[in-house]
Amino acid sequence: MNYYDYINIIKGTPETQGLEYDKAVMWLHSEKLPLGVVSLNGCTDKIIKIPKTAVNSYGQEVDVIGIGCDAFQGNTNVTDVILPLVSEWLAAAHLKVVPPSKGYTFHGR
């Protein structure tokens, strides 16, 4: 597979459904806080495409800006994680939870 074929696969991959989210930061107005992925919630997809936004427990659509340190724990299926193109993503420290030795790759879209 060449680079362009791979890019087309990445672009054609739908956002992963059923991910579990929690507040990414703590602040006064909880209903407006951005979310972070905290669990794959049983998802067995090989390619995880993190959405740019998700609906919080208040029914409001807010940005998804990070990945929790245990989000991929116990998962051996994931080969790729596609991140949304947003400037608000939390520090790269949140991405180190998936060791490069597992063969995962991260992609911005």
N, C-alpha and C. Protein backbone atom coordinates (compact mmCIF):
# COMPACT_ATOMS: atom_id res chain seq x y z
N MET A 1 0.85 -1.17 0.00
CA MET A 1 0.00 0.00 0.00
C MET A 1 0.90 1.23 0.00
N ASN A 2 0.57 2.19 -0.84
CA ASN A 2 1.37 3.41 -0.86
C ASN A 2 0.74 4.48 0.04
N TYR A 3 1.43 5.58 0.19
CA TYR A 3 1.01 6.66 1.08
C TYR A 3 -0.39 7.17 0.74
N TYR A 4 -0.67 7.39 -0.53
CA TYR A 4 -1.96 7.96 -0.94
C TYR A 4 -3.11 6.98 -0.67
N ASP A 5 -2.87 5.70 -0.85
CA ASP A 5 -3.89 4.71 -0.51
C ASP A 5 -4.19 4.74 0.98
N TYR A 6 -3.12 4.85 1.77
CA TYR A 6 -3.28 4.91 3.22
C TYR A 6 -4.05 6.16 3.65
N ILE A 7 -3.72 7.29 3.07
CA ILE A 7 -4.44 8.54 3.38
C ILE A 7 -5.91 8.40 3.04
N ASN A 8 -6.24 7.79 1.93
CA ASN A 8 -7.65 7.59 1.57
C ASN A 8 -8.37 6.70 2.57
N ILE A 9 -7.68 5.69 3.08
CA ILE A 9 -8.28 4.84 4.11
C ILE A 9 -8.54 5.66 5.37
N ILE A 10 -7.57 6.46 5.77
CA ILE A 10 -7.71 7.29 6.97
C ILE A 10 -8.87 8.27 6.80
N LYS A 11 -8.94 8.93 5.66
CA LYS A 11 -10.02 9.90 5.42
C LYS A 11 -11.38 9.22 5.38
N GLY A 12 -11.43 8.00 4.89
CA GLY A 12 -12.69 7.29 4.77
C GLY A 12 -13.13 6.57 6.03
N THR A 13 -12.31 6.60 7.05
CA THR A 13 -12.65 5.91 8.30
C THR A 13 -13.65 6.74 9.09
N PRO A 14 -14.78 6.15 9.47
CA PRO A 14 -15.77 6.92 10.25
C PRO A 14 -15.28 7.14 11.68
N GLU A 15 -15.81 8.17 12.33
CA GLU A 15 -15.47 8.40 13.73
C GLU A 15 -15.94 7.22 14.56
N THR A 16 -15.14 6.84 15.54
CA THR A 16 -15.45 5.70 16.38
C THR A 16 -16.63 6.02 17.30
N GLN A 17 -17.59 5.14 17.33
CA GLN A 17 -18.78 5.33 18.16
C GLN A 17 -18.63 4.58 19.48
N GLY A 18 -19.30 5.05 20.52
CA GLY A 18 -19.37 4.35 21.79
C GLY A 18 -18.20 4.59 22.73
N LEU A 19 -17.32 5.54 22.42
CA LEU A 19 -16.22 5.84 23.32
C LEU A 19 -16.77 6.43 24.61
N GLU A 20 -16.05 6.24 25.70
CA GLU A 20 -16.46 6.80 26.99
C GLU A 20 -15.64 8.06 27.25
N TYR A 21 -16.33 9.11 27.69
CA TYR A 21 -15.70 10.41 27.90
C TYR A 21 -15.85 10.86 29.35
N ASP A 22 -14.97 11.77 29.75
CA ASP A 22 -15.09 12.44 31.04
C ASP A 22 -14.49 13.83 30.86
N LYS A 23 -14.73 14.71 31.83
CA LYS A 23 -14.20 16.06 31.75
C LYS A 23 -12.68 16.01 31.64
N ALA A 24 -12.15 16.81 30.72
CA ALA A 24 -10.70 16.83 30.50
C ALA A 24 -10.00 17.78 31.47
N VAL A 25 -10.72 18.77 31.94
CA VAL A 25 -10.19 19.75 32.89
C VAL A 25 -11.28 20.05 33.90
N MET A 26 -10.90 20.63 35.02
CA MET A 26 -11.89 21.02 36.03
C MET A 26 -12.02 22.54 36.02
N TRP A 27 -13.26 23.01 36.09
CA TRP A 27 -13.53 24.45 36.08
C TRP A 27 -14.93 24.66 36.61
N LEU A 28 -15.37 25.89 36.66
CA LEU A 28 -16.66 26.21 37.25
C LEU A 28 -17.86 25.68 36.49
N HIS A 29 -17.94 25.94 35.23
CA HIS A 29 -19.12 25.61 34.43
C HIS A 29 -18.96 24.23 33.78
N SER A 30 -19.28 23.19 34.52
CA SER A 30 -19.09 21.81 34.06
C SER A 30 -19.78 21.53 32.73
N GLU A 31 -20.91 22.16 32.49
CA GLU A 31 -21.66 21.89 31.27
C GLU A 31 -20.94 22.36 30.01
N LYS A 32 -19.91 23.20 30.16
CA LYS A 32 -19.19 23.73 29.00
C LYS A 32 -17.78 23.17 28.87
N LEU A 33 -17.39 22.30 29.79
CA LEU A 33 -16.02 21.79 29.79
C LEU A 33 -15.76 20.82 28.65
N PRO A 34 -14.56 20.86 28.07
CA PRO A 34 -14.20 19.89 27.03
C PRO A 34 -14.04 18.50 27.65
N LEU A 35 -14.11 17.51 26.80
CA LEU A 35 -14.04 16.12 27.23
C LEU A 35 -12.74 15.47 26.78
N GLY A 36 -12.41 14.37 27.43
CA GLY A 36 -11.31 13.52 27.01
C GLY A 36 -11.81 12.09 26.94
N VAL A 37 -11.24 11.31 26.06
CA VAL A 37 -11.59 9.89 25.95
C VAL A 37 -10.96 9.17 27.13
N VAL A 38 -11.76 8.46 27.92
CA VAL A 38 -11.23 7.74 29.08
C VAL A 38 -11.29 6.22 28.89
N SER A 39 -12.04 5.76 27.90
CA SER A 39 -12.15 4.32 27.68
C SER A 39 -12.64 4.06 26.26
N LEU A 40 -12.20 2.96 25.69
CA LEU A 40 -12.74 2.54 24.39
C LEU A 40 -14.09 1.87 24.57
N ASN A 41 -14.46 1.60 25.81
CA ASN A 41 -15.79 1.11 26.15
C ASN A 41 -16.16 -0.16 25.38
N GLY A 42 -15.19 -1.05 25.27
CA GLY A 42 -15.45 -2.32 24.59
C GLY A 42 -15.29 -2.29 23.09
N CYS A 43 -14.95 -1.16 22.52
CA CYS A 43 -14.77 -1.05 21.08
C CYS A 43 -13.61 -1.94 20.63
N THR A 44 -13.82 -2.68 19.56
CA THR A 44 -12.79 -3.58 19.05
C THR A 44 -12.25 -3.15 17.69
N ASP A 45 -12.53 -1.91 17.29
CA ASP A 45 -12.02 -1.40 16.01
C ASP A 45 -10.50 -1.39 16.00
N LYS A 46 -9.92 -1.64 14.83
CA LYS A 46 -8.46 -1.54 14.68
C LYS A 46 -8.04 -0.09 14.55
N ILE A 47 -8.86 0.70 13.88
CA ILE A 47 -8.57 2.13 13.71
C ILE A 47 -9.56 2.91 14.56
N ILE A 48 -9.04 3.71 15.49
CA ILE A 48 -9.87 4.55 16.35
C ILE A 48 -9.78 5.97 15.83
N LYS A 49 -10.90 6.54 15.46
CA LYS A 49 -10.94 7.92 14.98
C LYS A 49 -11.67 8.74 16.04
N ILE A 50 -10.90 9.56 16.76
CA ILE A 50 -11.43 10.38 17.83
C ILE A 50 -12.22 11.53 17.22
N PRO A 51 -13.47 11.74 17.64
CA PRO A 51 -14.25 12.85 17.08
C PRO A 51 -13.77 14.19 17.61
N LYS A 52 -14.05 15.25 16.87
CA LYS A 52 -13.69 16.60 17.31
C LYS A 52 -14.58 17.04 18.47
N THR A 53 -15.82 16.60 18.47
CA THR A 53 -16.77 16.97 19.52
C THR A 53 -17.55 15.74 19.98
N ALA A 54 -18.14 15.86 21.17
CA ALA A 54 -19.00 14.81 21.72
C ALA A 54 -20.04 15.48 22.61
N VAL A 55 -21.12 14.78 22.86
CA VAL A 55 -22.17 15.31 23.72
C VAL A 55 -21.87 14.92 25.17
N ASN A 56 -21.86 15.91 26.05
CA ASN A 56 -21.56 15.65 27.46
C ASN A 56 -22.81 15.22 28.22
N SER A 57 -22.66 14.99 29.52
CA SER A 57 -23.79 14.51 30.34
C SER A 57 -24.88 15.56 30.50
N TYR A 58 -24.61 16.80 30.10
CA TYR A 58 -25.61 17.87 30.15
C TYR A 58 -26.34 18.02 28.81
N GLY A 59 -25.99 17.17 27.84
CA GLY A 59 -26.63 17.22 26.53
C GLY A 59 -26.05 18.28 25.62
N GLN A 60 -24.90 18.84 25.97
CA GLN A 60 -24.27 19.88 25.15
C GLN A 60 -23.09 19.30 24.38
N GLU A 61 -22.96 19.73 23.14
CA GLU A 61 -21.84 19.30 22.32
C GLU A 61 -20.62 20.15 22.68
N VAL A 62 -19.54 19.48 23.09
CA VAL A 62 -18.31 20.16 23.49
C VAL A 62 -17.12 19.50 22.79
N ASP A 63 -15.99 20.19 22.80
CA ASP A 63 -14.78 19.67 22.16
C ASP A 63 -14.22 18.47 22.92
N VAL A 64 -13.61 17.57 22.17
CA VAL A 64 -12.84 16.47 22.75
C VAL A 64 -11.37 16.89 22.59
N ILE A 65 -10.66 16.99 23.73
CA ILE A 65 -9.31 17.56 23.67
C ILE A 65 -8.21 16.67 24.23
N GLY A 66 -8.51 15.44 24.57
CA GLY A 66 -7.45 14.61 25.14
C GLY A 66 -7.82 13.16 25.22
N ILE A 67 -6.82 12.37 25.63
CA ILE A 67 -6.99 10.93 25.82
C ILE A 67 -6.48 10.61 27.22
N GLY A 68 -7.31 9.94 28.01
CA GLY A 68 -6.93 9.57 29.36
C GLY A 68 -5.82 8.54 29.40
N CYS A 69 -5.11 8.48 30.50
CA CYS A 69 -3.93 7.62 30.60
C CYS A 69 -4.27 6.13 30.53
N ASP A 70 -5.50 5.73 30.79
CA ASP A 70 -5.87 4.31 30.72
C ASP A 70 -6.85 4.00 29.59
N ALA A 71 -7.01 4.91 28.66
CA ALA A 71 -8.02 4.75 27.61
C ALA A 71 -7.83 3.48 26.78
N PHE A 72 -6.59 3.06 26.57
CA PHE A 72 -6.32 1.90 25.73
C PHE A 72 -5.92 0.67 26.54
N GLN A 73 -6.05 0.75 27.83
CA GLN A 73 -5.62 -0.34 28.70
C GLN A 73 -6.30 -1.66 28.34
N GLY A 74 -5.51 -2.69 28.16
CA GLY A 74 -6.04 -4.02 27.87
C GLY A 74 -6.46 -4.23 26.43
N ASN A 75 -6.35 -3.23 25.59
CA ASN A 75 -6.76 -3.37 24.20
C ASN A 75 -5.57 -3.78 23.35
N THR A 76 -5.73 -4.86 22.61
CA THR A 76 -4.65 -5.33 21.73
C THR A 76 -5.03 -5.23 20.25
N ASN A 77 -6.23 -4.69 19.96
CA ASN A 77 -6.69 -4.60 18.58
C ASN A 77 -6.26 -3.33 17.86
N VAL A 78 -6.11 -2.24 18.59
CA VAL A 78 -5.88 -0.93 17.98
C VAL A 78 -4.52 -0.89 17.29
N THR A 79 -4.53 -0.46 16.03
CA THR A 79 -3.29 -0.28 15.28
C THR A 79 -3.04 1.18 14.96
N ASP A 80 -4.13 1.98 14.86
CA ASP A 80 -4.00 3.39 14.51
C ASP A 80 -5.00 4.21 15.32
N VAL A 81 -4.59 5.43 15.65
CA VAL A 81 -5.48 6.39 16.31
C VAL A 81 -5.41 7.67 15.50
N ILE A 82 -6.58 8.12 15.04
CA ILE A 82 -6.66 9.34 14.24
C ILE A 82 -7.20 10.44 15.14
N LEU A 83 -6.42 11.51 15.30
CA LEU A 83 -6.82 12.63 16.15
C LEU A 83 -7.44 13.73 15.31
N PRO A 84 -8.40 14.46 15.87
CA PRO A 84 -8.97 15.58 15.13
C PRO A 84 -7.97 16.73 15.04
N LEU A 85 -8.09 17.54 14.02
CA LEU A 85 -7.22 18.72 13.89
C LEU A 85 -7.82 19.85 14.70
N VAL A 86 -7.40 19.96 15.93
CA VAL A 86 -7.81 21.07 16.79
C VAL A 86 -6.60 21.54 17.57
N SER A 87 -6.51 22.83 17.78
CA SER A 87 -5.34 23.38 18.47
C SER A 87 -5.45 23.23 19.98
N GLU A 88 -6.62 22.85 20.48
CA GLU A 88 -6.84 22.77 21.92
C GLU A 88 -6.40 21.46 22.55
N TRP A 89 -5.83 20.53 21.79
CA TRP A 89 -5.45 19.24 22.36
C TRP A 89 -4.49 19.44 23.50
N LEU A 90 -4.67 18.65 24.54
CA LEU A 90 -3.81 18.73 25.71
C LEU A 90 -2.40 18.29 25.37
N ALA A 91 -1.49 18.57 26.26
CA ALA A 91 -0.07 18.29 26.05
C ALA A 91 0.17 16.86 25.59
N ALA A 92 1.23 16.67 24.88
CA ALA A 92 1.57 15.37 24.32
C ALA A 92 1.73 14.30 25.40
N ALA A 93 1.85 14.70 26.64
CA ALA A 93 1.97 13.73 27.73
C ALA A 93 0.79 12.77 27.76
N HIS A 94 -0.36 13.21 27.28
CA HIS A 94 -1.53 12.35 27.27
C HIS A 94 -1.42 11.26 26.21
N LEU A 95 -0.56 11.46 25.24
CA LEU A 95 -0.42 10.47 24.18
C LEU A 95 0.61 9.41 24.52
N LYS A 96 1.43 9.65 25.52
CA LYS A 96 2.48 8.68 25.84
C LYS A 96 1.93 7.41 26.49
N VAL A 97 0.63 7.37 26.73
CA VAL A 97 0.04 6.20 27.37
C VAL A 97 0.08 4.98 26.47
N VAL A 98 0.28 5.17 25.18
CA VAL A 98 0.37 4.06 24.26
C VAL A 98 1.83 3.95 23.83
N PRO A 99 2.56 3.00 24.37
CA PRO A 99 3.99 2.91 24.07
C PRO A 99 4.24 2.63 22.59
N PRO A 100 5.23 3.30 22.01
CA PRO A 100 5.56 3.04 20.61
C PRO A 100 5.90 1.58 20.35
N SER A 101 6.34 0.85 21.35
CA SER A 101 6.71 -0.55 21.16
C SER A 101 5.50 -1.41 20.79
N LYS A 102 4.30 -0.93 21.04
CA LYS A 102 3.10 -1.70 20.67
C LYS A 102 2.77 -1.56 19.20
N GLY A 103 3.45 -0.65 18.49
CA GLY A 103 3.22 -0.51 17.07
C GLY A 103 2.06 0.41 16.72
N TYR A 104 1.53 1.16 17.68
CA TYR A 104 0.45 2.09 17.38
C TYR A 104 1.00 3.30 16.64
N THR A 105 0.18 3.89 15.81
CA THR A 105 0.55 5.15 15.18
C THR A 105 -0.56 6.15 15.41
N PHE A 106 -0.18 7.41 15.55
CA PHE A 106 -1.14 8.50 15.74
C PHE A 106 -1.11 9.40 14.52
N HIS A 107 -2.27 9.83 14.09
CA HIS A 107 -2.37 10.67 12.90
C HIS A 107 -3.28 11.84 13.18
N GLY A 108 -2.89 13.02 12.77
CA GLY A 108 -3.81 14.16 12.76
C GLY A 108 -4.57 14.13 11.45
N ARG A 109 -5.79 14.64 11.46
CA ARG A 109 -6.52 14.66 10.19
C ARG A 109 -6.85 16.07 9.82
